[in-house]
Amino acid sequence: MTMETGANILWFAMAFTLVLSALVVRRLPAADWIKMGLAWVAIFALVFLAIRTYQLAAG
């Protein structure tokens, strides 16, 4: 594993922790947890794809 891969894993772990802590604090029912969790996953996936596409186009 390279330093870049380790940094990426750390970044995603911290982002996931931030989202998870925000959901835990709100104390929502399970159905709302799932909806919000999927929304956050979609947001991070879109940001990841946008950055990845930009990097591939620039490189």
N, C-alpha and C. Protein backbone atom coordinates (compact mmCIF):
# COMPACT_ATOMS: atom_id res chain seq x y z
N MET A 1 0.85 -1.18 0.00
CA MET A 1 0.00 0.00 0.00
C MET A 1 0.89 1.24 0.00
N THR A 2 0.59 2.15 -0.90
CA THR A 2 1.37 3.38 -0.98
C THR A 2 0.83 4.42 0.01
N MET A 3 1.58 5.49 0.16
CA MET A 3 1.15 6.57 1.05
C MET A 3 -0.13 7.21 0.54
N GLU A 4 -0.25 7.31 -0.78
CA GLU A 4 -1.45 7.92 -1.36
C GLU A 4 -2.68 7.06 -1.07
N THR A 5 -2.54 5.76 -1.19
CA THR A 5 -3.66 4.86 -0.90
C THR A 5 -4.04 4.95 0.57
N GLY A 6 -3.04 4.99 1.43
CA GLY A 6 -3.31 5.12 2.86
C GLY A 6 -4.01 6.42 3.19
N ALA A 7 -3.60 7.50 2.53
CA ALA A 7 -4.24 8.80 2.75
C ALA A 7 -5.69 8.78 2.27
N ASN A 8 -5.94 8.13 1.14
CA ASN A 8 -7.30 8.03 0.63
C ASN A 8 -8.19 7.22 1.56
N ILE A 9 -7.67 6.13 2.08
CA ILE A 9 -8.44 5.30 3.01
C ILE A 9 -8.75 6.09 4.28
N LEU A 10 -7.77 6.82 4.77
CA LEU A 10 -7.96 7.64 5.97
C LEU A 10 -9.01 8.72 5.72
N TRP A 11 -8.96 9.38 4.56
CA TRP A 11 -9.92 10.42 4.23
C TRP A 11 -11.34 9.86 4.20
N PHE A 12 -11.53 8.72 3.54
CA PHE A 12 -12.85 8.12 3.46
C PHE A 12 -13.34 7.64 4.83
N ALA A 13 -12.44 7.13 5.65
CA ALA A 13 -12.82 6.71 7.00
C ALA A 13 -13.28 7.92 7.83
N MET A 14 -12.57 9.03 7.72
CA MET A 14 -12.96 10.22 8.47
C MET A 14 -14.28 10.79 7.94
N ALA A 15 -14.47 10.78 6.64
CA ALA A 15 -15.72 11.27 6.07
C ALA A 15 -16.89 10.39 6.52
N PHE A 16 -16.69 9.09 6.52
CA PHE A 16 -17.73 8.16 6.96
C PHE A 16 -18.06 8.39 8.44
N THR A 17 -17.03 8.61 9.25
CA THR A 17 -17.23 8.86 10.68
C THR A 17 -18.02 10.15 10.90
N LEU A 18 -17.72 11.16 10.12
CA LEU A 18 -18.45 12.42 10.23
C LEU A 18 -19.94 12.23 9.92
N VAL A 19 -20.23 11.53 8.85
CA VAL A 19 -21.62 11.29 8.47
C VAL A 19 -22.33 10.41 9.50
N LEU A 20 -21.67 9.36 9.94
CA LEU A 20 -22.27 8.46 10.92
C LEU A 20 -22.55 9.18 12.23
N SER A 21 -21.64 10.02 12.68
CA SER A 21 -21.86 10.75 13.93
C SER A 21 -23.02 11.73 13.79
N ALA A 22 -23.16 12.35 12.62
CA ALA A 22 -24.28 13.27 12.40
C ALA A 22 -25.61 12.52 12.46
N LEU A 23 -25.65 11.31 11.94
CA LEU A 23 -26.88 10.53 11.97
C LEU A 23 -27.19 10.03 13.38
N VAL A 24 -26.18 9.65 14.14
CA VAL A 24 -26.38 9.14 15.49
C VAL A 24 -26.93 10.23 16.40
N VAL A 25 -26.44 11.44 16.28
CA VAL A 25 -26.86 12.54 17.14
C VAL A 25 -28.33 12.87 16.94
N ARG A 26 -28.84 12.67 15.74
CA ARG A 26 -30.23 13.04 15.45
C ARG A 26 -31.24 12.06 16.04
N ARG A 27 -30.84 10.83 16.36
CA ARG A 27 -31.70 9.80 16.97
C ARG A 27 -32.99 9.59 16.18
N LEU A 28 -32.82 9.25 14.92
CA LEU A 28 -33.95 9.04 14.03
C LEU A 28 -34.40 7.58 14.02
N PRO A 29 -35.63 7.32 13.56
CA PRO A 29 -36.07 5.94 13.36
C PRO A 29 -35.22 5.26 12.29
N ALA A 30 -35.22 3.93 12.30
CA ALA A 30 -34.36 3.16 11.40
C ALA A 30 -34.63 3.45 9.93
N ALA A 31 -35.88 3.61 9.56
CA ALA A 31 -36.21 3.88 8.15
C ALA A 31 -35.58 5.20 7.69
N ASP A 32 -35.61 6.20 8.55
CA ASP A 32 -35.00 7.48 8.21
C ASP A 32 -33.48 7.37 8.15
N TRP A 33 -32.90 6.53 9.00
CA TRP A 33 -31.46 6.27 8.98
C TRP A 33 -31.05 5.75 7.61
N ILE A 34 -31.81 4.79 7.13
CA ILE A 34 -31.47 4.17 5.84
C ILE A 34 -31.57 5.19 4.72
N LYS A 35 -32.63 5.98 4.71
CA LYS A 35 -32.79 7.00 3.66
C LYS A 35 -31.66 8.02 3.70
N MET A 36 -31.36 8.52 4.88
CA MET A 36 -30.30 9.52 5.00
C MET A 36 -28.93 8.91 4.70
N GLY A 37 -28.73 7.69 5.14
CA GLY A 37 -27.46 7.02 4.86
C GLY A 37 -27.24 6.84 3.36
N LEU A 38 -28.28 6.42 2.65
CA LEU A 38 -28.18 6.26 1.21
C LEU A 38 -27.97 7.61 0.52
N ALA A 39 -28.60 8.64 1.03
CA ALA A 39 -28.39 9.98 0.47
C ALA A 39 -26.93 10.41 0.63
N TRP A 40 -26.36 10.18 1.82
CA TRP A 40 -24.96 10.53 2.04
C TRP A 40 -24.02 9.71 1.16
N VAL A 41 -24.31 8.44 1.02
CA VAL A 41 -23.49 7.60 0.15
C VAL A 41 -23.54 8.14 -1.28
N ALA A 42 -24.73 8.52 -1.73
CA ALA A 42 -24.87 9.07 -3.08
C ALA A 42 -24.08 10.37 -3.23
N ILE A 43 -24.13 11.23 -2.22
CA ILE A 43 -23.40 12.49 -2.27
C ILE A 43 -21.90 12.24 -2.37
N PHE A 44 -21.37 11.38 -1.51
CA PHE A 44 -19.94 11.10 -1.55
C PHE A 44 -19.53 10.39 -2.84
N ALA A 45 -20.40 9.53 -3.36
CA ALA A 45 -20.10 8.85 -4.62
C ALA A 45 -20.03 9.85 -5.77
N LEU A 46 -20.97 10.80 -5.80
CA LEU A 46 -20.95 11.81 -6.86
C LEU A 46 -19.71 12.70 -6.77
N VAL A 47 -19.35 13.09 -5.56
CA VAL A 47 -18.15 13.91 -5.39
C VAL A 47 -16.91 13.12 -5.81
N PHE A 48 -16.85 11.87 -5.41
CA PHE A 48 -15.72 11.02 -5.77
C PHE A 48 -15.63 10.88 -7.28
N LEU A 49 -16.76 10.61 -7.93
CA LEU A 49 -16.75 10.45 -9.39
C LEU A 49 -16.38 11.75 -10.10
N ALA A 50 -16.85 12.86 -9.58
CA ALA A 50 -16.50 14.16 -10.19
C ALA A 50 -15.00 14.42 -10.10
N ILE A 51 -14.43 14.18 -8.93
CA ILE A 51 -12.99 14.39 -8.74
C ILE A 51 -12.20 13.42 -9.60
N ARG A 52 -12.63 12.17 -9.62
CA ARG A 52 -11.94 11.15 -10.41
C ARG A 52 -11.97 11.48 -11.91
N THR A 53 -13.15 11.92 -12.37
CA THR A 53 -13.28 12.29 -13.78
C THR A 53 -12.39 13.48 -14.12
N TYR A 54 -12.35 14.46 -13.24
CA TYR A 54 -11.50 15.63 -13.45
C TYR A 54 -10.03 15.22 -13.50
N GLN A 55 -9.60 14.34 -12.60
CA GLN A 55 -8.22 13.90 -12.57
C GLN A 55 -7.86 13.13 -13.84
N LEU A 56 -8.76 12.29 -14.31
CA LEU A 56 -8.49 11.51 -15.52
C LEU A 56 -8.45 12.43 -16.75
N ALA A 57 -9.31 13.43 -16.79
CA ALA A 57 -9.33 14.35 -17.92
C ALA A 57 -8.10 15.25 -17.92
N ALA A 58 -7.64 15.64 -16.74
CA ALA A 58 -6.49 16.53 -16.64
C ALA A 58 -5.18 15.78 -16.88
N GLY A 59 -5.17 14.49 -16.59
CA GLY A 59 -3.94 13.71 -16.69
C GLY A 59 -3.71 13.19 -18.03
